[in-house]
Protein backbone atom coordinates (compact mmCIF):
# COMPACT_ATOMS: atom_id res chain seq x y z
CA UNK A 1 131.01 79.89 118.80
CA UNK A 2 130.72 82.65 121.38
CA UNK A 3 130.08 82.19 125.09
CA UNK A 4 131.00 83.43 128.52
CA UNK A 5 134.12 81.58 129.68
CA UNK A 6 133.51 78.21 131.38
CA UNK A 7 130.14 77.75 129.71
CA UNK A 8 130.92 74.35 128.21
CA UNK A 9 132.06 75.59 124.84
CA UNK A 10 134.62 72.81 124.56
CA UNK A 11 131.83 70.26 124.12
CA UNK A 12 130.22 72.21 121.30
CA UNK A 13 133.55 73.00 119.61
CA UNK A 14 134.57 69.33 119.65
CA UNK A 15 131.21 68.40 118.14
CA UNK A 16 131.89 70.91 115.36
CA UNK A 17 135.27 69.26 114.74
CA UNK A 18 133.62 65.84 114.64
CA UNK A 19 131.20 67.23 112.06
CA UNK A 20 133.96 68.33 109.70
CA UNK A 21 134.63 71.93 110.73
CA UNK A 22 138.07 73.55 110.80
CA UNK A 23 138.13 75.30 114.18
CA UNK A 24 141.57 76.92 113.91
CA UNK A 25 144.76 76.00 115.74
CA UNK A 26 143.17 74.81 118.95
CA UNK A 27 144.31 74.01 122.43
CA UNK A 28 143.63 70.28 122.67
CA UNK A 29 142.32 70.51 126.23
CA UNK A 30 139.95 73.49 125.88
CA UNK A 31 139.36 73.60 122.10
CA UNK A 32 140.01 77.36 122.31
CA UNK A 33 141.37 78.79 119.07
CA UNK A 34 144.86 79.94 120.04
CA UNK A 35 144.91 82.47 117.20
CA UNK A 36 142.24 84.45 119.07
CA UNK A 37 144.10 84.41 122.38
CA UNK A 38 143.89 87.52 124.55
CA UNK A 39 147.67 87.49 124.60
CA UNK A 40 147.38 88.97 121.12
CA UNK A 41 147.30 92.79 121.21
CA UNK A 42 144.95 92.79 118.20
CA UNK A 43 142.47 90.48 119.96
CA UNK A 44 142.50 92.65 123.08
CA UNK A 45 142.01 95.75 120.96
CA UNK A 46 139.06 94.25 119.08
CA UNK A 47 137.39 93.07 122.30
CA UNK A 48 137.80 96.55 123.75
CA UNK A 49 136.53 98.22 120.58
CA UNK A 50 133.49 95.95 120.62
CA UNK A 51 132.06 98.00 123.48
CA UNK A 52 132.46 101.25 121.51
CA UNK A 53 131.69 99.94 118.02
CA UNK A 54 127.99 100.97 117.81
CA UNK A 55 128.88 104.62 118.51
CA UNK A 56 131.80 104.85 116.08
CA UNK A 57 131.71 106.74 112.80
CA UNK A 58 131.36 104.68 109.61
CA UNK A 59 135.06 105.14 108.88
CA UNK A 60 136.06 104.01 112.37
CA UNK A 61 133.81 100.96 112.13
CA UNK A 62 135.32 99.97 108.80
CA UNK A 63 138.82 100.30 110.25
CA UNK A 64 137.85 97.92 113.05
CA UNK A 65 136.24 95.50 110.58
CA UNK A 66 139.44 95.45 108.52
CA UNK A 67 141.41 94.42 111.60
CA UNK A 68 138.88 91.67 112.24
CA UNK A 69 139.14 90.41 108.68
CA UNK A 70 142.92 90.34 108.87
CA UNK A 71 142.77 88.29 112.06
CA UNK A 72 140.22 85.85 110.66
CA UNK A 73 141.99 85.44 107.33
CA UNK A 74 145.27 84.68 109.11
CA UNK A 75 143.49 81.95 111.06
CA UNK A 76 141.80 80.56 107.93
CA UNK A 77 145.13 80.38 106.13
CA UNK A 78 146.38 77.92 108.74
CA UNK A 79 143.82 75.35 107.58
CA UNK A 80 145.90 72.57 105.97
CA UNK A 81 143.39 71.25 103.40
CA UNK A 82 140.37 73.57 103.09
CA UNK A 83 138.56 71.26 100.68
CA UNK A 84 138.42 68.60 103.41
CA UNK A 85 136.26 70.76 105.71
CA UNK A 86 132.61 71.79 105.47
CA UNK A 87 133.14 75.18 107.13
CA UNK A 88 135.60 77.37 109.01
CA UNK A 89 135.00 78.62 112.53
CA UNK A 90 136.45 79.12 115.98
CA UNK A 91 135.54 79.04 119.65
CA UNK A 92 136.90 81.64 122.03
CA UNK A 93 135.05 83.37 124.87
CA UNK A 94 136.67 86.78 124.32
CA UNK A 95 135.27 86.95 120.79
CA UNK A 96 131.82 87.28 122.36
CA UNK A 97 132.67 90.96 122.67
CA UNK A 98 133.36 91.12 118.93
CA UNK A 99 130.02 89.70 117.80
CA UNK A 100 128.82 92.84 116.01
CA UNK A 101 132.22 93.46 114.44
CA UNK A 102 132.38 89.88 113.16
CA UNK A 103 128.86 89.90 111.73
CA UNK A 104 129.41 93.20 109.94
CA UNK A 105 132.86 92.23 108.68
CA UNK A 106 131.51 88.95 107.26
CA UNK A 107 127.91 89.27 106.02
CA UNK A 108 127.88 85.51 105.32
CA UNK A 109 128.99 84.60 108.85
CA UNK A 110 126.79 82.86 111.40
CA UNK A 111 127.19 82.83 115.17
CA UNK A 112 126.22 80.16 117.66
CA UNK A 113 125.89 81.64 121.15
CA UNK A 114 126.25 78.97 123.84
CA UNK A 115 124.58 80.00 127.10
CA UNK A 116 124.98 78.14 130.37
CA UNK A 117 122.96 78.74 133.54
CA UNK A 118 124.81 81.56 135.30
CA UNK A 119 124.21 79.97 138.70
CA UNK A 120 126.49 77.12 137.68
CA UNK A 121 128.81 79.26 135.59
CA UNK A 122 129.71 81.55 138.48
CA UNK A 123 131.03 78.57 140.45
CA UNK A 124 133.57 77.80 137.72
CA UNK A 125 136.27 80.34 138.48
CA UNK A 126 137.87 82.60 135.87
CA UNK A 127 141.01 83.16 137.90
CA UNK A 128 143.15 84.86 135.25
CA UNK A 129 140.62 87.67 134.74
CA UNK A 130 139.48 88.08 138.34
CA UNK A 131 143.04 88.40 139.61
CA UNK A 132 143.63 91.35 137.31
CA UNK A 133 140.71 93.65 137.98
CA UNK A 134 143.19 96.45 138.52
CA UNK A 135 143.33 96.54 134.68
CA UNK A 136 140.65 98.68 133.01
CA UNK A 137 140.34 96.10 130.22
CA UNK A 138 139.28 93.36 132.63
CA UNK A 139 136.86 95.62 134.50
CA UNK A 140 135.21 96.36 131.17
CA UNK A 141 134.83 92.65 130.40
CA UNK A 142 133.50 91.83 133.88
CA UNK A 143 131.32 94.82 134.75
CA UNK A 144 130.91 96.54 131.39
CA UNK A 145 132.49 99.60 133.01
CA UNK A 146 136.20 100.24 132.80
CA UNK A 147 135.91 103.23 135.18
CA UNK A 148 134.54 101.15 138.06
CA UNK A 149 136.93 101.28 141.01
CA UNK A 150 134.76 100.25 143.99
CA UNK A 151 132.46 97.38 144.82
CA UNK A 152 129.87 97.64 147.59
CA UNK A 153 131.42 100.97 148.48
CA UNK A 154 134.91 99.56 148.97
CA UNK A 155 137.99 99.78 146.75
CA UNK A 156 138.14 96.90 144.29
CA UNK A 157 141.07 95.19 146.02
CA UNK A 158 142.07 91.53 145.85
CA UNK A 159 140.46 90.99 149.26
CA UNK A 160 137.14 92.51 148.17
CA UNK A 161 137.15 90.43 144.99
CA UNK A 162 137.62 87.25 147.03
CA UNK A 163 134.99 88.24 149.58
CA UNK A 164 132.36 88.87 146.90
CA UNK A 165 133.69 86.46 144.31
CA UNK A 166 130.37 84.80 143.47
CA UNK A 167 128.69 88.15 142.93
CA UNK A 168 131.48 89.40 140.71
CA UNK A 169 131.50 86.20 138.68
CA UNK A 170 127.75 86.67 138.21
CA UNK A 171 128.27 90.25 137.04
CA UNK A 172 130.66 88.89 134.43
CA UNK A 173 128.13 86.29 133.32
CA UNK A 174 125.46 88.97 132.86
CA UNK A 175 127.85 91.30 131.01
CA UNK A 176 129.09 88.59 128.64
CA UNK A 177 125.72 86.96 127.94
CA UNK A 178 123.94 90.25 127.33
CA UNK A 179 126.74 91.36 125.03
CA UNK A 180 126.51 88.13 123.05
CA UNK A 181 122.76 88.65 122.76
CA UNK A 182 123.45 91.71 120.62
CA UNK A 183 123.68 89.15 117.86
CA UNK A 184 119.88 88.80 117.97
CA UNK A 185 119.52 91.76 115.64
CA UNK A 186 121.22 89.73 112.89
CA UNK A 187 118.11 87.74 112.07
CA UNK A 188 118.80 84.36 110.51
CA UNK A 189 122.51 84.53 111.32
CA UNK A 190 122.48 84.19 115.10
CA UNK A 191 121.44 81.13 117.11
CA UNK A 192 121.26 80.63 120.87
CA UNK A 193 121.76 77.17 122.33
CA UNK A 194 121.67 76.26 126.00
CA UNK A 195 124.42 74.15 127.50
CA UNK A 196 121.79 72.26 129.49
CA UNK A 197 119.99 71.22 126.29
CA UNK A 198 123.28 70.20 124.72
CA UNK A 199 124.03 67.96 127.72
CA UNK A 200 120.58 66.45 128.21
CA UNK A 201 119.57 66.10 124.54
CA UNK A 202 122.84 66.18 122.60
CA UNK A 203 121.69 64.55 119.36
CA UNK A 204 118.55 66.64 118.98
CA UNK A 205 120.24 69.89 120.02
CA UNK A 206 123.15 69.44 117.64
CA UNK A 207 120.68 68.65 114.90
CA UNK A 208 119.12 72.08 115.35
CA UNK A 209 122.55 73.74 115.39
CA UNK A 210 123.72 72.12 112.17
CA UNK A 211 120.38 72.80 110.51
CA UNK A 212 120.86 76.48 111.36
CA UNK A 213 124.40 76.36 109.96
CA UNK A 214 123.12 74.62 106.83
CA UNK A 215 125.62 71.76 106.94
CA UNK A 216 125.01 67.99 106.89
CA UNK A 217 124.75 66.35 110.31
CA UNK A 218 127.33 63.58 110.37
CA UNK A 219 126.76 60.32 112.20
CA UNK A 220 130.24 60.66 113.69
CA UNK A 221 129.28 63.91 115.44
CA UNK A 222 125.99 62.46 116.64
CA UNK A 223 127.69 59.40 118.17
CA UNK A 224 130.51 61.43 119.69
CA UNK A 225 128.03 63.73 121.43
CA UNK A 226 125.92 60.83 122.66
CA UNK A 227 128.97 59.31 124.36
CA UNK A 228 130.61 62.49 125.66
CA UNK A 229 127.72 64.75 126.69
CA UNK A 230 126.88 64.55 130.39
CA UNK A 231 124.41 66.28 132.68
CA UNK A 232 126.60 65.61 135.74
CA UNK A 233 127.74 69.25 136.04
CA UNK A 234 124.29 70.75 135.86
CA UNK A 235 122.65 72.23 138.95
CA UNK A 236 125.73 72.41 141.20
CA UNK A 237 124.51 75.72 142.59
CA UNK A 238 121.54 74.01 144.28
CA UNK A 239 123.88 72.51 146.90
CA UNK A 240 124.62 75.99 148.29
CA UNK A 241 121.48 77.86 147.33
CA UNK A 242 121.11 79.82 150.55
CA UNK A 243 124.63 81.27 150.62
CA UNK A 244 124.41 82.14 146.92
CA UNK A 245 121.17 84.14 147.17
CA UNK A 246 122.71 87.60 146.77
CA UNK A 247 124.79 86.54 143.80
CA UNK A 248 121.81 84.83 142.18
CA UNK A 249 119.72 87.98 142.61
CA UNK A 250 122.14 89.84 140.31
CA UNK A 251 121.38 87.47 137.47
CA UNK A 252 117.68 86.92 138.14
CA UNK A 253 116.31 89.34 135.50
CA UNK A 254 118.39 87.61 132.82
CA UNK A 255 117.52 84.14 134.18
CA UNK A 256 113.87 85.06 133.77
CA UNK A 257 114.40 86.43 130.27
CA UNK A 258 116.19 83.26 129.18
CA UNK A 259 113.67 80.93 130.81
CA UNK A 260 115.90 79.56 133.56
CA UNK A 261 113.37 80.62 136.23
């Protein structure tokens, strides 16, 4: 499962667990796979290399794929009883930037890209990343440009980040979602699902996901989703539409492309 952080991936990951997937050694609160944490130098390296992967030589790409395989196999080996699970997977936002590496490293792999309306997503703060935009790595993840040093003509200081926080969060949404959409070229192996559909029509939406993944749809997962999915967090941005106009404008082309407007 790939997604921009704070896109509701926990709901989808828990549904996968309820349906018999091994999702790695997860944080119980977020359902993030801890083995793919950005605290790992290998994970950070792979996310960084994801931006350069298409322009690498064949030998360089294979070297990156080998690192990805080693990371994935280490995670798979932590599964206690593989025969008890229908599939292996993980959910971690940073692995969005590894989508091409993952798909090439594992030709049998499939990716579910969870997309949430960026107007709501930008209001759910990614503090750890936004507080460290002095790091080239984080600027690459947020803006797609590690060399960027100014925003609106001013140095990218903590004060500027806070002043234009909604806009910068929206830039990150656009960067992450568009990067994840690179998976579209892997026809038959990439599937986009909207958080809003998952919340408003959980049973039907999960049915489509599991059909794509070619696994049985368990009643336990269906019932869990019916009870736990909620549309309460959808459309928060409408309460402050006027003050969010400039930030929303940044994402408008992608909103239109995805059918949000």
